[in-house]
């Protein structure tokens, strides 16, 4: 009702997997995280074509959810990859300035981008906010930011390891959009391997004279 009154609206649902748990953890049973599983579809059906409302769900443990139920609610599921070096370099500078900091020659963004390999965008936001407190921002004129300040809070966070990333990719490959992209990729590979009409492929053998 609130979303309808304040259109255009974006409704964000954090930990979207909890509503569709395969098995509810003991510590969360009292909270009854699956209570909206039946109600949410009804709410979505009540939306009209002219309603400018976007439902966005985010999750860092999607494999804990029943895939079919999750896909019925979310028509598009997008896997957000870890940022590469170039993206991390730009993001560090942007996050620092957006949170009241200043990028000077004393702040080695290249080193920050290298040591943060394996960390997500959310991790980077968390670290910047932990460093750039109101008191630290007030000290910037006398003491510019340095890359070393970000190392300690970054080290307290577990990065996304390779095996975990593969788990996300495997899960995503089972979603409708993941399957569609996989088929599209196979189609392109097939087109590249198929020889053009009128041309014979090289068999690698020669005729004897």
C-alpha atoms as a PDB file:
ATOM      1  CA  UNK A   1       0.000   0.000   0.000  1.00  0.00           C
ATOM      2  CA  UNK A   2       2.816   2.404   0.875  1.00  0.00           C
ATOM      3  CA  UNK A   3       4.653   1.543  -2.375  1.00  0.00           C
ATOM      4  CA  UNK A   4       1.521   2.326  -4.390  1.00  0.00           C
ATOM      5  CA  UNK A   5       1.076   5.681  -2.718  1.00  0.00           C
ATOM      6  CA  UNK A   6       4.719   6.684  -3.288  1.00  0.00           C
ATOM      7  CA  UNK A   7       5.220   5.545  -6.874  1.00  0.00           C
ATOM      8  CA  UNK A   8       7.652   5.085  -8.500  1.00  0.00           C
ATOM      9  CA  UNK A   9       8.817   2.780  -5.713  1.00  0.00           C
ATOM     10  CA  UNK A  10      11.500   0.153  -5.114  1.00  0.00           C
ATOM     11  CA  UNK A  11      10.788  -2.494  -2.487  1.00  0.00           C
ATOM     12  CA  UNK A  12      13.994  -4.106  -1.254  1.00  0.00           C
ATOM     13  CA  UNK A  13      13.977  -7.523   0.431  1.00  0.00           C
ATOM     14  CA  UNK A  14      17.278  -8.397   2.105  1.00  0.00           C
ATOM     15  CA  UNK A  15      18.282 -12.037   2.709  1.00  0.00           C
ATOM     16  CA  UNK A  16      15.707 -13.073   0.126  1.00  0.00           C
ATOM     17  CA  UNK A  17      16.579 -16.741   0.536  1.00  0.00           C
ATOM     18  CA  UNK A  18      15.127 -16.887   4.066  1.00  0.00           C
ATOM     19  CA  UNK A  19      11.553 -16.712   2.815  1.00  0.00           C
ATOM     20  CA  UNK A  20      12.187 -19.880   0.782  1.00  0.00           C
ATOM     21  CA  UNK A  21      14.442 -21.838   3.144  1.00  0.00           C
ATOM     22  CA  UNK A  22      14.855 -25.549   2.365  1.00  0.00           C
ATOM     23  CA  UNK A  23      15.322 -26.029   6.082  1.00  0.00           C
ATOM     24  CA  UNK A  24      14.900 -23.265   8.655  1.00  0.00           C
ATOM     25  CA  UNK A  25      17.906 -23.012  11.033  1.00  0.00           C
ATOM     26  CA  UNK A  26      17.077 -23.711  14.702  1.00  0.00           C
ATOM     27  CA  UNK A  27      18.112 -20.213  15.777  1.00  0.00           C
ATOM     28  CA  UNK A  28      15.656 -18.655  13.298  1.00  0.00           C
ATOM     29  CA  UNK A  29      12.583 -20.832  13.891  1.00  0.00           C
ATOM     30  CA  UNK A  30      11.046 -18.385  16.383  1.00  0.00           C
ATOM     31  CA  UNK A  31      11.244 -15.606  13.777  1.00  0.00           C
ATOM     32  CA  UNK A  32       9.342 -17.763  11.258  1.00  0.00           C
ATOM     33  CA  UNK A  33      11.226 -16.452   8.179  1.00  0.00           C
ATOM     34  CA  UNK A  34       8.926 -18.358   5.784  1.00  0.00           C
ATOM     35  CA  UNK A  35       5.760 -16.593   6.987  1.00  0.00           C
ATOM     36  CA  UNK A  36       5.574 -14.387   3.864  1.00  0.00           C
ATOM     37  CA  UNK A  37       6.125 -17.240   1.406  1.00  0.00           C
ATOM     38  CA  UNK A  38       2.378 -17.513   0.700  1.00  0.00           C
ATOM     39  CA  UNK A  39       1.507 -13.862   1.168  1.00  0.00           C
ATOM     40  CA  UNK A  40       4.122 -12.323  -1.158  1.00  0.00           C
ATOM     41  CA  UNK A  41       2.802 -14.013  -4.349  1.00  0.00           C
ATOM     42  CA  UNK A  42      -0.686 -12.691  -3.530  1.00  0.00           C
ATOM     43  CA  UNK A  43       0.710  -9.182  -3.078  1.00  0.00           C
ATOM     44  CA  UNK A  44       2.526  -9.392  -6.418  1.00  0.00           C
ATOM     45  CA  UNK A  45      -0.607 -10.586  -8.215  1.00  0.00           C
ATOM     46  CA  UNK A  46      -2.463  -7.538  -6.907  1.00  0.00           C
ATOM     47  CA  UNK A  47      -0.040  -5.249  -8.773  1.00  0.00           C
ATOM     48  CA  UNK A  48      -1.381  -3.781 -12.008  1.00  0.00           C
ATOM     49  CA  UNK A  49       0.480  -3.190 -15.259  1.00  0.00           C
ATOM     50  CA  UNK A  50       0.412   0.566 -14.727  1.00  0.00           C
ATOM     51  CA  UNK A  51       1.921   0.292 -11.226  1.00  0.00           C
ATOM     52  CA  UNK A  52       5.505   1.563 -11.166  1.00  0.00           C
ATOM     53  CA  UNK A  53       6.790  -0.728  -8.432  1.00  0.00           C
ATOM     54  CA  UNK A  54       9.997  -2.750  -8.562  1.00  0.00           C
ATOM     55  CA  UNK A  55      10.602  -5.647  -6.156  1.00  0.00           C
ATOM     56  CA  UNK A  56      14.317  -6.312  -5.568  1.00  0.00           C
ATOM     57  CA  UNK A  57      15.637  -9.152  -3.445  1.00  0.00           C
ATOM     58  CA  UNK A  58      19.289  -9.667  -2.510  1.00  0.00           C
ATOM     59  CA  UNK A  59      20.990 -12.734  -1.077  1.00  0.00           C
ATOM     60  CA  UNK A  60      24.478 -13.957  -0.234  1.00  0.00           C
ATOM     61  CA  UNK A  61      23.262 -17.531   0.429  1.00  0.00           C
ATOM     62  CA  UNK A  62      20.865 -18.269  -2.450  1.00  0.00           C
ATOM     63  CA  UNK A  63      21.606 -22.020  -2.360  1.00  0.00           C
ATOM     64  CA  UNK A  64      19.803 -22.234   1.019  1.00  0.00           C
ATOM     65  CA  UNK A  65      16.507 -21.532  -0.768  1.00  0.00           C
ATOM     66  CA  UNK A  66      14.148 -23.735  -2.777  1.00  0.00           C
ATOM     67  CA  UNK A  67      15.091 -22.741  -6.308  1.00  0.00           C
ATOM     68  CA  UNK A  68      11.666 -23.240  -7.916  1.00  0.00           C
ATOM     69  CA  UNK A  69       9.880 -21.157  -5.293  1.00  0.00           C
ATOM     70  CA  UNK A  70      12.490 -18.409  -5.536  1.00  0.00           C
ATOM     71  CA  UNK A  71      12.266 -18.268  -9.334  1.00  0.00           C
ATOM     72  CA  UNK A  72       8.473 -17.976  -9.223  1.00  0.00           C
ATOM     73  CA  UNK A  73       8.745 -14.730  -7.277  1.00  0.00           C
ATOM     74  CA  UNK A  74      11.788 -13.223  -8.979  1.00  0.00           C
ATOM     75  CA  UNK A  75      11.453 -13.221 -12.762  1.00  0.00           C
ATOM     76  CA  UNK A  76      15.066 -12.189 -13.257  1.00  0.00           C
ATOM     77  CA  UNK A  77      17.978 -13.430 -11.148  1.00  0.00           C
ATOM     78  CA  UNK A  78      21.339 -11.766 -11.715  1.00  0.00           C
ATOM     79  CA  UNK A  79      24.676 -12.998 -10.393  1.00  0.00           C
ATOM     80  CA  UNK A  80      26.883 -10.064  -9.404  1.00  0.00           C
ATOM     81  CA  UNK A  81      30.538 -11.093  -9.807  1.00  0.00           C
ATOM     82  CA  UNK A  82      33.448  -9.958  -7.692  1.00  0.00           C
ATOM     83  CA  UNK A  83      34.923  -6.692  -9.020  1.00  0.00           C
ATOM     84  CA  UNK A  84      38.140  -6.923 -11.032  1.00  0.00           C
ATOM     85  CA  UNK A  85      41.251  -4.792 -10.441  1.00  0.00           C
ATOM     86  CA  UNK A  86      40.107  -1.856 -12.595  1.00  0.00           C
ATOM     87  CA  UNK A  87      36.671  -1.802 -10.951  1.00  0.00           C
ATOM     88  CA  UNK A  88      38.159  -1.965  -7.453  1.00  0.00           C
ATOM     89  CA  UNK A  89      40.541   0.889  -8.252  1.00  0.00           C
ATOM     90  CA  UNK A  90      37.676   3.140  -9.354  1.00  0.00           C
ATOM     91  CA  UNK A  91      35.408   2.030  -6.513  1.00  0.00           C
ATOM     92  CA  UNK A  92      37.930   2.757  -3.742  1.00  0.00           C
ATOM     93  CA  UNK A  93      38.328   6.334  -4.958  1.00  0.00           C
ATOM     94  CA  UNK A  94      34.573   6.818  -5.401  1.00  0.00           C
ATOM     95  CA  UNK A  95      33.695   5.344  -2.002  1.00  0.00           C
ATOM     96  CA  UNK A  96      36.285   7.462  -0.217  1.00  0.00           C
ATOM     97  CA  UNK A  97      35.028  10.727  -1.727  1.00  0.00           C
ATOM     98  CA  UNK A  98      31.349   9.764  -1.286  1.00  0.00           C
ATOM     99  CA  UNK A  99      31.930   9.204   2.424  1.00  0.00           C
ATOM    100  CA  UNK A 100      33.617  12.542   3.106  1.00  0.00           C
ATOM    101  CA  UNK A 101      37.201  11.506   2.386  1.00  0.00           C
ATOM    102  CA  UNK A 102      39.748  12.921  -0.009  1.00  0.00           C
ATOM    103  CA  UNK A 103      41.982  11.090  -2.466  1.00  0.00           C
ATOM    104  CA  UNK A 104      45.509  12.532  -2.348  1.00  0.00           C
ATOM    105  CA  UNK A 105      48.937  11.308  -3.385  1.00  0.00           C
ATOM    106  CA  UNK A 106      49.292   9.728   0.054  1.00  0.00           C
ATOM    107  CA  UNK A 107      46.468   7.277  -0.680  1.00  0.00           C
ATOM    108  CA  UNK A 108      47.772   4.465  -2.878  1.00  0.00           C
ATOM    109  CA  UNK A 109      44.619   3.288  -4.649  1.00  0.00           C
ATOM    110  CA  UNK A 110      46.593   0.801  -6.754  1.00  0.00           C
ATOM    111  CA  UNK A 111      47.783  -1.063  -3.642  1.00  0.00           C
ATOM    112  CA  UNK A 112      44.268  -0.999  -2.196  1.00  0.00           C
ATOM    113  CA  UNK A 113      42.886  -2.457  -5.416  1.00  0.00           C
ATOM    114  CA  UNK A 114      45.467  -5.274  -5.316  1.00  0.00           C
ATOM    115  CA  UNK A 115      45.057  -6.311  -1.676  1.00  0.00           C
ATOM    116  CA  UNK A 116      41.260  -6.251  -1.934  1.00  0.00           C
ATOM    117  CA  UNK A 117      41.199  -8.963  -4.590  1.00  0.00           C
ATOM    118  CA  UNK A 118      38.505 -11.473  -3.609  1.00  0.00           C
ATOM    119  CA  UNK A 119      36.404  -8.964  -1.684  1.00  0.00           C
ATOM    120  CA  UNK A 120      32.969  -7.797  -2.789  1.00  0.00           C
ATOM    121  CA  UNK A 121      31.605  -4.308  -3.324  1.00  0.00           C
ATOM    122  CA  UNK A 122      29.735  -4.597  -0.026  1.00  0.00           C
ATOM    123  CA  UNK A 123      32.940  -5.444   1.834  1.00  0.00           C
ATOM    124  CA  UNK A 124      34.597  -2.339   0.434  1.00  0.00           C
ATOM    125  CA  UNK A 125      31.686  -0.135   1.498  1.00  0.00           C
ATOM    126  CA  UNK A 126      31.868  -1.638   4.982  1.00  0.00           C
ATOM    127  CA  UNK A 127      35.585  -0.908   5.306  1.00  0.00           C
ATOM    128  CA  UNK A 128      35.369   2.682   4.042  1.00  0.00           C
ATOM    129  CA  UNK A 129      32.539   3.508   6.433  1.00  0.00           C
ATOM    130  CA  UNK A 130      34.472   1.980   9.331  1.00  0.00           C
ATOM    131  CA  UNK A 131      37.520   4.171   8.578  1.00  0.00           C
ATOM    132  CA  UNK A 132      35.867   7.449   7.616  1.00  0.00           C
ATOM    133  CA  UNK A 133      34.231   8.311  10.905  1.00  0.00           C
ATOM    134  CA  UNK A 134      33.298  11.924  11.645  1.00  0.00           C
ATOM    135  CA  UNK A 135      36.417  12.306  13.760  1.00  0.00           C
ATOM    136  CA  UNK A 136      38.703  10.902  11.013  1.00  0.00           C
ATOM    137  CA  UNK A 137      37.159  13.187   8.392  1.00  0.00           C
ATOM    138  CA  UNK A 138      37.902  16.202  10.630  1.00  0.00           C
ATOM    139  CA  UNK A 139      41.587  15.159  10.739  1.00  0.00           C
ATOM    140  CA  UNK A 140      42.067  14.906   6.965  1.00  0.00           C
ATOM    141  CA  UNK A 141      43.654  18.369   6.611  1.00  0.00           C
ATOM    142  CA  UNK A 142      46.461  17.428   8.994  1.00  0.00           C
ATOM    143  CA  UNK A 143      46.593  13.684   8.360  1.00  0.00           C
ATOM    144  CA  UNK A 144      45.675  12.528   4.817  1.00  0.00           C
ATOM    145  CA  UNK A 145      44.294   9.046   4.284  1.00  0.00           C
ATOM    146  CA  UNK A 146      46.757   6.218   3.645  1.00  0.00           C
ATOM    147  CA  UNK A 147      46.164   2.742   2.224  1.00  0.00           C
ATOM    148  CA  UNK A 148      47.562   1.103   5.373  1.00  0.00           C
ATOM    149  CA  UNK A 149      44.542   2.334   7.366  1.00  0.00           C
ATOM    150  CA  UNK A 150      42.223   0.119   5.330  1.00  0.00           C
ATOM    151  CA  UNK A 151      44.244  -3.087   5.765  1.00  0.00           C
ATOM    152  CA  UNK A 152      43.212  -3.952   9.351  1.00  0.00           C
ATOM    153  CA  UNK A 153      39.410  -3.706   8.866  1.00  0.00           C
ATOM    154  CA  UNK A 154      39.721  -5.498   5.520  1.00  0.00           C
ATOM    155  CA  UNK A 155      41.636  -8.358   7.151  1.00  0.00           C
ATOM    156  CA  UNK A 156      38.767  -8.921   9.611  1.00  0.00           C
ATOM    157  CA  UNK A 157      36.429  -9.810   6.726  1.00  0.00           C
ATOM    158  CA  UNK A 158      36.485 -13.186   4.992  1.00  0.00           C
ATOM    159  CA  UNK A 159      36.858 -12.750   1.223  1.00  0.00           C
ATOM    160  CA  UNK A 160      34.941 -14.793  -1.338  1.00  0.00           C
ATOM    161  CA  UNK A 161      37.189 -17.794  -1.955  1.00  0.00           C
ATOM    162  CA  UNK A 162      37.443 -19.550  -5.306  1.00  0.00           C
ATOM    163  CA  UNK A 163      35.432 -22.622  -4.246  1.00  0.00           C
ATOM    164  CA  UNK A 164      32.663 -20.404  -2.880  1.00  0.00           C
ATOM    165  CA  UNK A 165      32.561 -18.433  -6.112  1.00  0.00           C
ATOM    166  CA  UNK A 166      32.244 -21.691  -8.068  1.00  0.00           C
ATOM    167  CA  UNK A 167      29.302 -22.661  -5.831  1.00  0.00           C
ATOM    168  CA  UNK A 168      27.549 -19.414  -6.773  1.00  0.00           C
ATOM    169  CA  UNK A 169      28.204 -20.025 -10.477  1.00  0.00           C
ATOM    170  CA  UNK A 170      26.927 -23.606 -10.269  1.00  0.00           C
ATOM    171  CA  UNK A 171      23.773 -22.456  -8.511  1.00  0.00           C
ATOM    172  CA  UNK A 172      23.196 -19.644 -10.996  1.00  0.00           C
ATOM    173  CA  UNK A 173      23.537 -22.071 -13.918  1.00  0.00           C
ATOM    174  CA  UNK A 174      20.359 -23.790 -12.654  1.00  0.00           C
ATOM    175  CA  UNK A 175      18.251 -20.621 -12.786  1.00  0.00           C
ATOM    176  CA  UNK A 176      16.167 -19.823 -15.912  1.00  0.00           C
ATOM    177  CA  UNK A 177      18.350 -16.851 -16.873  1.00  0.00           C
ATOM    178  CA  UNK A 178      21.518 -18.823 -16.146  1.00  0.00           C
ATOM    179  CA  UNK A 179      20.359 -21.653 -18.424  1.00  0.00           C
ATOM    180  CA  UNK A 180      19.412 -19.162 -21.127  1.00  0.00           C
ATOM    181  CA  UNK A 181      22.841 -17.544 -21.030  1.00  0.00           C
ATOM    182  CA  UNK A 182      24.567 -20.931 -21.086  1.00  0.00           C
ATOM    183  CA  UNK A 183      22.593 -21.934 -24.202  1.00  0.00           C
ATOM    184  CA  UNK A 184      23.399 -18.603 -25.853  1.00  0.00           C
ATOM    185  CA  UNK A 185      27.096 -19.111 -25.117  1.00  0.00           C
ATOM    186  CA  UNK A 186      27.013 -22.627 -26.574  1.00  0.00           C
ATOM    187  CA  UNK A 187      25.230 -21.279 -29.640  1.00  0.00           C
ATOM    188  CA  UNK A 188      27.984 -18.734 -30.256  1.00  0.00           C
ATOM    189  CA  UNK A 189      30.668 -21.375 -29.837  1.00  0.00           C
ATOM    190  CA  UNK A 190      28.833 -23.596 -32.328  1.00  0.00           C
ATOM    191  CA  UNK A 191      28.676 -20.764 -34.867  1.00  0.00           C
ATOM    192  CA  UNK A 192      32.423 -20.185 -34.556  1.00  0.00           C
ATOM    193  CA  UNK A 193      33.195 -23.882 -35.069  1.00  0.00           C
ATOM    194  CA  UNK A 194      30.851 -24.347 -38.069  1.00  0.00           C
ATOM    195  CA  UNK A 195      32.715 -23.700 -41.363  1.00  0.00           C
ATOM    196  CA  UNK A 196      31.238 -21.131 -43.729  1.00  0.00           C
ATOM    197  CA  UNK A 197      29.073 -22.413 -46.648  1.00  0.00           C
ATOM    198  CA  UNK A 198      31.091 -23.401 -49.709  1.00  0.00           C
ATOM    199  CA  UNK A 199      34.291 -23.922 -47.755  1.00  0.00           C
ATOM    200  CA  UNK A 200      35.728 -27.254 -46.717  1.00  0.00           C
ATOM    201  CA  UNK A 201      37.271 -27.740 -43.335  1.00  0.00           C
ATOM    202  CA  UNK A 202      40.916 -28.708 -43.105  1.00  0.00           C
ATOM    203  CA  UNK A 203      41.075 -32.417 -42.232  1.00  0.00           C
ATOM    204  CA  UNK A 204      44.789 -32.336 -41.729  1.00  0.00           C
ATOM    205  CA  UNK A 205      45.415 -35.176 -44.247  1.00  0.00           C
ATOM    206  CA  UNK A 206      47.058 -35.011 -47.659  1.00  0.00           C
ATOM    207  CA  UNK A 207      46.414 -37.052 -50.799  1.00  0.00           C
ATOM    208  CA  UNK A 208      49.242 -39.212 -52.059  1.00  0.00           C
ATOM    209  CA  UNK A 209      50.463 -38.510 -55.560  1.00  0.00           C
END
